[in-house]
Each structure stands twice: as C-alpha cells, then as structure tokens.
Amino acid sequence: MLPPWLYEQLPGLYLLLSAGLLLLTQSPLLWLAAALLFGVGALIWMMRSNYRRTDLVIFPARRWFQPEWFYEAQPFLWLALGLLLLRLPGSTALLALLPCLWGCRCLWARRRHRHHAQGLALQLRRSSGRRRGHRILR
C-alpha cells in the first residue's frame, strides 16, 4: 500500500511524467506512451475530483452546449494543446504557454471550489428541499 502523501500526488506525477516524455523524446512510440499516461493521469484526476465533490451539483434538464464529460476534461485538453504546440517546429514558447497556463488555472479553480465545508452541502440540500416542499404545500 502506498503512503497517503504519495497516493494523492499520483495523477499529477503521471501528468508531469507524460509531459516530460512528450517534450524530451523523439520516438513516436514514446509519444504514444506519453499520450496514454497523460490520459490515465487526467482520468484519475477527474474521477477523484468527482468523488470528493462536496458542492451542490445541479444538472440542467437539457445540456446541449457542453456535456458534463467535456466540462470535466477541459483543463486537460488545454494542457494537451499547449504540449502539442511545444512539439511543433518553429512554434513560440509563449503561444504554447498560454493554453498550459489556462489549463492550470482551471484546475486550480476547480480544486479550490470543490473542497467546501462538508456541512455546507448538507445545509444547501436541506434548505432547497424545504423550499420546494413549501411551494408544493401553498
């Protein structure tokens, strides 16, 4: 069994290792391994984030514009775009840095907003249920 401090950092380590493989190697086979490792790291990060989510989640009845899976994967898609731009010949580092910074900012904001106090989510669920009940009784 892994120590908790290492277990918590594994998705980030997977992402960093895949970025290093992608940027430092020239073999297409290692690029494929880096892409798979990046995908696994992103998937584990999203699964843990959804499992630990304590904020109140309200899904609209129709979600046409942006499905939930796309919303969850968006920061990782930005990071992947920035890494791919770094691999292109003649690309500037600033152009590749912008999507990477935006992806990191999205991950930071998501991590910050998904760790609310546990009592707050329960209070919101209870109060919204009471309001619905009062509307029905009137």
N, C-alpha and C. Protein backbone atom coordinates (compact mmCIF):
# COMPACT_ATOMS: atom_id res chain seq x y z
N MET A 1 0.84 -1.18 0.00
CA MET A 1 0.00 0.00 0.00
C MET A 1 0.89 1.24 0.00
N LEU A 2 0.48 2.21 -0.77
CA LEU A 2 1.25 3.45 -0.88
C LEU A 2 0.94 4.39 0.28
N PRO A 3 1.91 5.18 0.70
CA PRO A 3 1.61 6.19 1.72
C PRO A 3 0.63 7.23 1.15
N PRO A 4 -0.21 7.80 2.00
CA PRO A 4 -1.23 8.74 1.51
C PRO A 4 -0.65 9.95 0.77
N TRP A 5 0.48 10.46 1.20
CA TRP A 5 1.04 11.64 0.53
C TRP A 5 1.47 11.30 -0.90
N LEU A 6 1.93 10.09 -1.14
CA LEU A 6 2.30 9.68 -2.50
C LEU A 6 1.07 9.35 -3.33
N TYR A 7 0.11 8.68 -2.72
CA TYR A 7 -1.12 8.32 -3.42
C TYR A 7 -1.87 9.55 -3.93
N GLU A 8 -1.89 10.60 -3.12
CA GLU A 8 -2.59 11.83 -3.51
C GLU A 8 -1.90 12.54 -4.68
N GLN A 9 -0.61 12.36 -4.83
CA GLN A 9 0.14 13.07 -5.87
C GLN A 9 0.27 12.28 -7.17
N LEU A 10 -0.22 11.04 -7.22
CA LEU A 10 -0.02 10.20 -8.40
C LEU A 10 -0.57 10.79 -9.69
N PRO A 11 -1.81 11.32 -9.75
CA PRO A 11 -2.27 11.89 -11.02
C PRO A 11 -1.38 13.03 -11.53
N GLY A 12 -0.94 13.88 -10.63
CA GLY A 12 -0.04 14.97 -11.03
C GLY A 12 1.30 14.45 -11.51
N LEU A 13 1.80 13.41 -10.86
CA LEU A 13 3.05 12.79 -11.30
C LEU A 13 2.90 12.15 -12.68
N TYR A 14 1.76 11.52 -12.91
CA TYR A 14 1.51 10.94 -14.24
C TYR A 14 1.52 12.03 -15.31
N LEU A 15 0.87 13.15 -15.02
CA LEU A 15 0.83 14.25 -15.99
C LEU A 15 2.21 14.84 -16.24
N LEU A 16 2.98 15.04 -15.17
CA LEU A 16 4.33 15.58 -15.33
C LEU A 16 5.25 14.63 -16.08
N LEU A 17 5.16 13.35 -15.77
CA LEU A 17 5.98 12.36 -16.46
C LEU A 17 5.62 12.28 -17.94
N SER A 18 4.33 12.35 -18.24
CA SER A 18 3.93 12.30 -19.65
C SER A 18 4.38 13.56 -20.39
N ALA A 19 4.32 14.72 -19.73
CA ALA A 19 4.80 15.95 -20.37
C ALA A 19 6.30 15.87 -20.62
N GLY A 20 7.05 15.34 -19.66
CA GLY A 20 8.49 15.18 -19.86
C GLY A 20 8.81 14.21 -20.99
N LEU A 21 8.09 13.10 -21.05
CA LEU A 21 8.30 12.15 -22.14
C LEU A 21 7.99 12.77 -23.49
N LEU A 22 6.90 13.51 -23.54
CA LEU A 22 6.50 14.12 -24.80
C LEU A 22 7.50 15.16 -25.28
N LEU A 23 8.05 15.93 -24.36
CA LEU A 23 8.94 17.02 -24.75
C LEU A 23 10.38 16.58 -24.98
N LEU A 24 10.82 15.54 -24.29
CA LEU A 24 12.24 15.18 -24.35
C LEU A 24 12.58 14.03 -25.29
N THR A 25 11.59 13.32 -25.79
CA THR A 25 11.89 12.17 -26.63
C THR A 25 11.55 12.46 -28.09
N GLN A 26 12.13 11.67 -28.97
CA GLN A 26 11.88 11.83 -30.40
C GLN A 26 11.19 10.62 -31.02
N SER A 27 10.99 9.58 -30.25
CA SER A 27 10.40 8.36 -30.76
C SER A 27 8.87 8.43 -30.74
N PRO A 28 8.22 8.12 -31.85
CA PRO A 28 6.75 8.13 -31.88
C PRO A 28 6.13 7.10 -30.92
N LEU A 29 6.83 6.01 -30.66
CA LEU A 29 6.32 5.03 -29.72
C LEU A 29 6.28 5.59 -28.30
N LEU A 30 7.29 6.37 -27.93
CA LEU A 30 7.29 7.02 -26.62
C LEU A 30 6.26 8.15 -26.55
N TRP A 31 5.97 8.78 -27.69
CA TRP A 31 4.90 9.78 -27.72
C TRP A 31 3.55 9.13 -27.44
N LEU A 32 3.36 7.94 -27.99
CA LEU A 32 2.12 7.20 -27.73
C LEU A 32 2.03 6.83 -26.25
N ALA A 33 3.13 6.37 -25.68
CA ALA A 33 3.15 6.05 -24.25
C ALA A 33 2.87 7.30 -23.41
N ALA A 34 3.43 8.43 -23.82
CA ALA A 34 3.19 9.68 -23.09
C ALA A 34 1.73 10.10 -23.20
N ALA A 35 1.12 9.92 -24.37
CA ALA A 35 -0.29 10.26 -24.53
C ALA A 35 -1.18 9.36 -23.68
N LEU A 36 -0.86 8.08 -23.62
CA LEU A 36 -1.63 7.16 -22.78
C LEU A 36 -1.47 7.51 -21.30
N LEU A 37 -0.26 7.82 -20.89
CA LEU A 37 -0.01 8.19 -19.50
C LEU A 37 -0.72 9.50 -19.15
N PHE A 38 -0.75 10.44 -20.08
CA PHE A 38 -1.47 11.70 -19.87
C PHE A 38 -2.96 11.43 -19.71
N GLY A 39 -3.50 10.57 -20.57
CA GLY A 39 -4.92 10.23 -20.49
C GLY A 39 -5.28 9.55 -19.19
N VAL A 40 -4.43 8.64 -18.73
CA VAL A 40 -4.67 7.95 -17.46
C VAL A 40 -4.60 8.93 -16.29
N GLY A 41 -3.61 9.81 -16.30
CA GLY A 41 -3.50 10.81 -15.23
C GLY A 41 -4.70 11.74 -15.20
N ALA A 42 -5.17 12.17 -16.37
CA ALA A 42 -6.33 13.06 -16.42
C ALA A 42 -7.59 12.32 -15.96
N LEU A 43 -7.75 11.08 -16.36
CA LEU A 43 -8.92 10.30 -15.97
C LEU A 43 -8.95 10.07 -14.45
N ILE A 44 -7.81 9.72 -13.88
CA ILE A 44 -7.77 9.51 -12.43
C ILE A 44 -8.05 10.81 -11.69
N TRP A 45 -7.49 11.91 -12.18
CA TRP A 45 -7.73 13.22 -11.55
C TRP A 45 -9.23 13.54 -11.58
N MET A 46 -9.88 13.33 -12.74
CA MET A 46 -11.31 13.64 -12.85
C MET A 46 -12.15 12.73 -11.96
N MET A 47 -11.80 11.44 -11.88
CA MET A 47 -12.55 10.52 -11.04
C MET A 47 -12.43 10.90 -9.57
N ARG A 48 -11.24 11.25 -9.13
CA ARG A 48 -11.06 11.65 -7.73
C ARG A 48 -11.77 12.97 -7.44
N SER A 49 -11.72 13.89 -8.39
CA SER A 49 -12.37 15.17 -8.20
C SER A 49 -13.88 14.99 -8.07
N ASN A 50 -14.47 14.16 -8.91
CA ASN A 50 -15.91 13.92 -8.83
C ASN A 50 -16.29 13.18 -7.56
N TYR A 51 -15.46 12.26 -7.11
CA TYR A 51 -15.76 11.51 -5.90
C TYR A 51 -15.71 12.40 -4.67
N ARG A 52 -14.78 13.33 -4.64
CA ARG A 52 -14.61 14.20 -3.48
C ARG A 52 -15.44 15.47 -3.54
N ARG A 53 -16.23 15.60 -4.54
CA ARG A 53 -17.02 16.81 -4.73
C ARG A 53 -18.04 16.93 -3.61
N THR A 54 -18.01 18.06 -2.91
CA THR A 54 -18.96 18.29 -1.82
C THR A 54 -19.90 19.44 -2.11
N ASP A 55 -19.69 20.16 -3.20
CA ASP A 55 -20.60 21.24 -3.51
C ASP A 55 -21.87 20.67 -4.12
N LEU A 56 -22.91 21.44 -4.10
CA LEU A 56 -24.20 21.01 -4.60
C LEU A 56 -24.17 21.02 -6.12
N VAL A 57 -24.45 19.88 -6.73
CA VAL A 57 -24.41 19.75 -8.17
C VAL A 57 -25.83 19.75 -8.70
N ILE A 58 -26.14 20.71 -9.55
CA ILE A 58 -27.47 20.78 -10.16
C ILE A 58 -27.26 20.70 -11.67
N PHE A 59 -27.70 19.61 -12.26
CA PHE A 59 -27.57 19.44 -13.69
C PHE A 59 -28.84 19.92 -14.37
N PRO A 60 -28.72 20.74 -15.39
CA PRO A 60 -29.91 21.16 -16.12
C PRO A 60 -30.55 19.98 -16.84
N ALA A 61 -31.83 20.11 -17.13
CA ALA A 61 -32.54 19.02 -17.79
C ALA A 61 -31.96 18.75 -19.19
N ARG A 62 -31.64 19.80 -19.89
CA ARG A 62 -31.04 19.66 -21.23
C ARG A 62 -29.69 20.36 -21.24
N ARG A 63 -28.70 19.63 -21.57
CA ARG A 63 -27.36 20.19 -21.62
C ARG A 63 -26.86 20.04 -23.05
N TRP A 64 -27.19 20.96 -23.90
CA TRP A 64 -26.89 20.84 -25.32
C TRP A 64 -25.53 21.41 -25.66
N PHE A 65 -25.20 22.50 -25.01
CA PHE A 65 -24.00 23.21 -25.43
C PHE A 65 -22.72 22.52 -24.99
N GLN A 66 -22.66 22.08 -23.76
CA GLN A 66 -21.43 21.50 -23.24
C GLN A 66 -21.77 20.32 -22.33
N PRO A 67 -21.51 19.09 -22.77
CA PRO A 67 -21.79 17.95 -21.90
C PRO A 67 -20.86 17.94 -20.69
N GLU A 68 -21.27 17.22 -19.65
CA GLU A 68 -20.52 17.21 -18.39
C GLU A 68 -19.12 16.64 -18.56
N TRP A 69 -18.97 15.58 -19.36
CA TRP A 69 -17.66 14.95 -19.54
C TRP A 69 -16.69 15.93 -20.21
N PHE A 70 -17.21 16.76 -21.13
CA PHE A 70 -16.35 17.75 -21.79
C PHE A 70 -15.93 18.84 -20.81
N TYR A 71 -16.85 19.25 -19.95
CA TYR A 71 -16.51 20.25 -18.94
C TYR A 71 -15.43 19.73 -18.01
N GLU A 72 -15.53 18.47 -17.59
CA GLU A 72 -14.54 17.89 -16.68
C GLU A 72 -13.18 17.74 -17.35
N ALA A 73 -13.16 17.45 -18.65
CA ALA A 73 -11.90 17.21 -19.36
C ALA A 73 -11.26 18.48 -19.91
N GLN A 74 -11.95 19.59 -19.86
CA GLN A 74 -11.48 20.82 -20.49
C GLN A 74 -10.09 21.28 -20.03
N PRO A 75 -9.75 21.30 -18.74
CA PRO A 75 -8.40 21.74 -18.37
C PRO A 75 -7.32 20.84 -18.95
N PHE A 76 -7.59 19.55 -19.01
CA PHE A 76 -6.60 18.62 -19.54
C PHE A 76 -6.46 18.75 -21.06
N LEU A 77 -7.54 19.10 -21.72
CA LEU A 77 -7.46 19.37 -23.16
C LEU A 77 -6.62 20.61 -23.43
N TRP A 78 -6.75 21.63 -22.57
CA TRP A 78 -5.92 22.84 -22.73
C TRP A 78 -4.44 22.51 -22.51
N LEU A 79 -4.17 21.70 -21.47
CA LEU A 79 -2.78 21.30 -21.22
C LEU A 79 -2.22 20.50 -22.39
N ALA A 80 -3.00 19.58 -22.92
CA ALA A 80 -2.54 18.78 -24.05
C ALA A 80 -2.29 19.65 -25.27
N LEU A 81 -3.15 20.64 -25.50
CA LEU A 81 -2.95 21.55 -26.63
C LEU A 81 -1.65 22.32 -26.47
N GLY A 82 -1.37 22.81 -25.27
CA GLY A 82 -0.11 23.52 -25.04
C GLY A 82 1.10 22.64 -25.25
N LEU A 83 1.04 21.38 -24.81
CA LEU A 83 2.17 20.46 -25.02
C LEU A 83 2.36 20.13 -26.49
N LEU A 84 1.25 19.98 -27.21
CA LEU A 84 1.37 19.71 -28.64
C LEU A 84 1.93 20.92 -29.39
N LEU A 85 1.57 22.12 -28.97
CA LEU A 85 2.13 23.32 -29.60
C LEU A 85 3.63 23.43 -29.36
N LEU A 86 4.09 22.94 -28.21
CA LEU A 86 5.53 22.94 -27.96
C LEU A 86 6.28 21.96 -28.87
N ARG A 87 5.61 20.91 -29.29
CA ARG A 87 6.24 19.91 -30.16
C ARG A 87 6.34 20.37 -31.61
N LEU A 88 5.50 21.31 -32.00
CA LEU A 88 5.52 21.77 -33.38
C LEU A 88 6.82 22.51 -33.68
N PRO A 89 7.39 22.31 -34.86
CA PRO A 89 8.61 23.04 -35.20
C PRO A 89 8.31 24.52 -35.45
N GLY A 90 9.15 25.35 -34.92
CA GLY A 90 9.03 26.79 -35.14
C GLY A 90 7.95 27.47 -34.30
N SER A 91 7.35 26.76 -33.37
CA SER A 91 6.34 27.41 -32.54
C SER A 91 7.01 28.20 -31.43
N THR A 92 6.39 29.27 -31.04
CA THR A 92 6.95 30.07 -29.97
C THR A 92 6.52 29.51 -28.63
N ALA A 93 7.34 29.67 -27.64
CA ALA A 93 7.04 29.14 -26.31
C ALA A 93 5.87 29.89 -25.68
N LEU A 94 5.72 31.17 -26.00
CA LEU A 94 4.62 31.94 -25.43
C LEU A 94 3.28 31.43 -25.94
N LEU A 95 3.22 31.10 -27.21
CA LEU A 95 1.98 30.57 -27.78
C LEU A 95 1.60 29.25 -27.12
N ALA A 96 2.58 28.43 -26.79
CA ALA A 96 2.31 27.16 -26.14
C ALA A 96 2.06 27.34 -24.65
N LEU A 97 2.60 28.40 -24.06
CA LEU A 97 2.44 28.62 -22.63
C LEU A 97 1.03 29.06 -22.27
N LEU A 98 0.36 29.78 -23.15
CA LEU A 98 -0.97 30.30 -22.85
C LEU A 98 -2.00 29.20 -22.57
N PRO A 99 -2.13 28.18 -23.44
CA PRO A 99 -3.09 27.12 -23.10
C PRO A 99 -2.71 26.35 -21.84
N CYS A 100 -1.42 26.16 -21.61
CA CYS A 100 -0.97 25.46 -20.39
C CYS A 100 -1.34 26.26 -19.15
N LEU A 101 -1.14 27.56 -19.18
CA LEU A 101 -1.49 28.40 -18.03
C LEU A 101 -2.99 28.41 -17.79
N TRP A 102 -3.77 28.46 -18.87
CA TRP A 102 -5.22 28.46 -18.72
C TRP A 102 -5.71 27.12 -18.15
N GLY A 103 -5.13 26.02 -18.60
CA GLY A 103 -5.49 24.71 -18.06
C GLY A 103 -5.14 24.59 -16.59
N CYS A 104 -3.98 25.09 -16.19
CA CYS A 104 -3.58 25.06 -14.78
C CYS A 104 -4.49 25.95 -13.94
N ARG A 105 -4.88 27.09 -14.48
CA ARG A 105 -5.79 27.98 -13.78
C ARG A 105 -7.15 27.32 -13.58
N CYS A 106 -7.65 26.61 -14.59
CA CYS A 106 -8.93 25.90 -14.46
C CYS A 106 -8.84 24.80 -13.41
N LEU A 107 -7.73 24.06 -13.39
CA LEU A 107 -7.55 23.01 -12.39
C LEU A 107 -7.47 23.60 -10.98
N TRP A 108 -6.77 24.72 -10.84
CA TRP A 108 -6.67 25.37 -9.53
C TRP A 108 -8.04 25.82 -9.05
N ALA A 109 -8.81 26.46 -9.93
CA ALA A 109 -10.13 26.95 -9.54
C ALA A 109 -11.06 25.79 -9.21
N ARG A 110 -10.99 24.73 -9.97
CA ARG A 110 -11.84 23.57 -9.71
C ARG A 110 -11.48 22.92 -8.39
N ARG A 111 -10.21 22.82 -8.10
CA ARG A 111 -9.79 22.23 -6.82
C ARG A 111 -10.22 23.11 -5.65
N ARG A 112 -10.12 24.41 -5.84
CA ARG A 112 -10.49 25.35 -4.79
C ARG A 112 -11.99 25.33 -4.52
N HIS A 113 -12.79 25.22 -5.56
CA HIS A 113 -14.24 25.29 -5.40
C HIS A 113 -14.88 23.96 -5.04
N ARG A 114 -14.17 22.87 -5.20
CA ARG A 114 -14.77 21.57 -4.90
C ARG A 114 -14.45 21.05 -3.52
N HIS A 115 -13.79 21.83 -2.70
CA HIS A 115 -13.49 21.40 -1.35
C HIS A 115 -14.16 22.34 -0.35
N HIS A 116 -15.49 22.33 -0.37
CA HIS A 116 -16.24 23.14 0.58
C HIS A 116 -16.34 22.42 1.91
N ALA A 117 -16.81 23.13 2.90
CA ALA A 117 -17.05 22.50 4.19
C ALA A 117 -18.16 21.48 4.02
N GLN A 118 -18.04 20.35 4.69
CA GLN A 118 -18.99 19.27 4.49
C GLN A 118 -20.39 19.67 4.94
N GLY A 119 -20.50 20.46 5.98
CA GLY A 119 -21.81 20.86 6.46
C GLY A 119 -22.54 21.77 5.50
N LEU A 120 -21.83 22.53 4.69
CA LEU A 120 -22.46 23.47 3.77
C LEU A 120 -23.28 22.74 2.72
N ALA A 121 -22.76 21.66 2.16
CA ALA A 121 -23.51 20.92 1.14
C ALA A 121 -24.78 20.33 1.73
N LEU A 122 -24.70 19.82 2.95
CA LEU A 122 -25.90 19.26 3.57
C LEU A 122 -26.92 20.35 3.86
N GLN A 123 -26.48 21.52 4.29
CA GLN A 123 -27.40 22.61 4.55
C GLN A 123 -28.09 23.07 3.28
N LEU A 124 -27.33 23.15 2.19
CA LEU A 124 -27.93 23.57 0.93
C LEU A 124 -28.96 22.55 0.45
N ARG A 125 -28.65 21.28 0.58
CA ARG A 125 -29.60 20.25 0.16
C ARG A 125 -30.86 20.31 1.01
N ARG A 126 -30.73 20.48 2.31
CA ARG A 126 -31.90 20.53 3.18
C ARG A 126 -32.73 21.77 2.91
N SER A 127 -32.08 22.92 2.77
CA SER A 127 -32.84 24.16 2.57
C SER A 127 -33.54 24.16 1.22
N SER A 128 -32.93 23.61 0.19
CA SER A 128 -33.60 23.58 -1.12
C SER A 128 -34.78 22.63 -1.08
N GLY A 129 -34.68 21.54 -0.31
CA GLY A 129 -35.81 20.61 -0.19
C GLY A 129 -36.96 21.23 0.57
N ARG A 130 -36.65 22.01 1.59
CA ARG A 130 -37.70 22.68 2.35
C ARG A 130 -38.43 23.71 1.50
N ARG A 131 -37.65 24.46 0.73
CA ARG A 131 -38.31 25.46 -0.11
C ARG A 131 -39.24 24.81 -1.12
N ARG A 132 -38.79 23.71 -1.72
CA ARG A 132 -39.65 23.02 -2.68
C ARG A 132 -40.90 22.50 -1.99
N GLY A 133 -40.73 21.99 -0.77
CA GLY A 133 -41.89 21.48 -0.03
C GLY A 133 -42.89 22.58 0.30
N HIS A 134 -42.41 23.77 0.64
CA HIS A 134 -43.31 24.87 0.95
C HIS A 134 -44.04 25.33 -0.29
N ARG A 135 -43.41 25.33 -1.41
CA ARG A 135 -44.08 25.73 -2.64
C ARG A 135 -45.19 24.74 -2.99
N ILE A 136 -44.93 23.49 -2.74
CA ILE A 136 -45.92 22.47 -3.08
C ILE A 136 -47.14 22.60 -2.14
N LEU A 137 -46.89 22.92 -0.87
CA LEU A 137 -48.00 23.00 0.09
C LEU A 137 -48.86 24.23 -0.10
N ARG A 138 -48.34 25.26 -0.69
CA ARG A 138 -49.13 26.50 -0.85
C ARG A 138 -50.16 26.37 -1.87
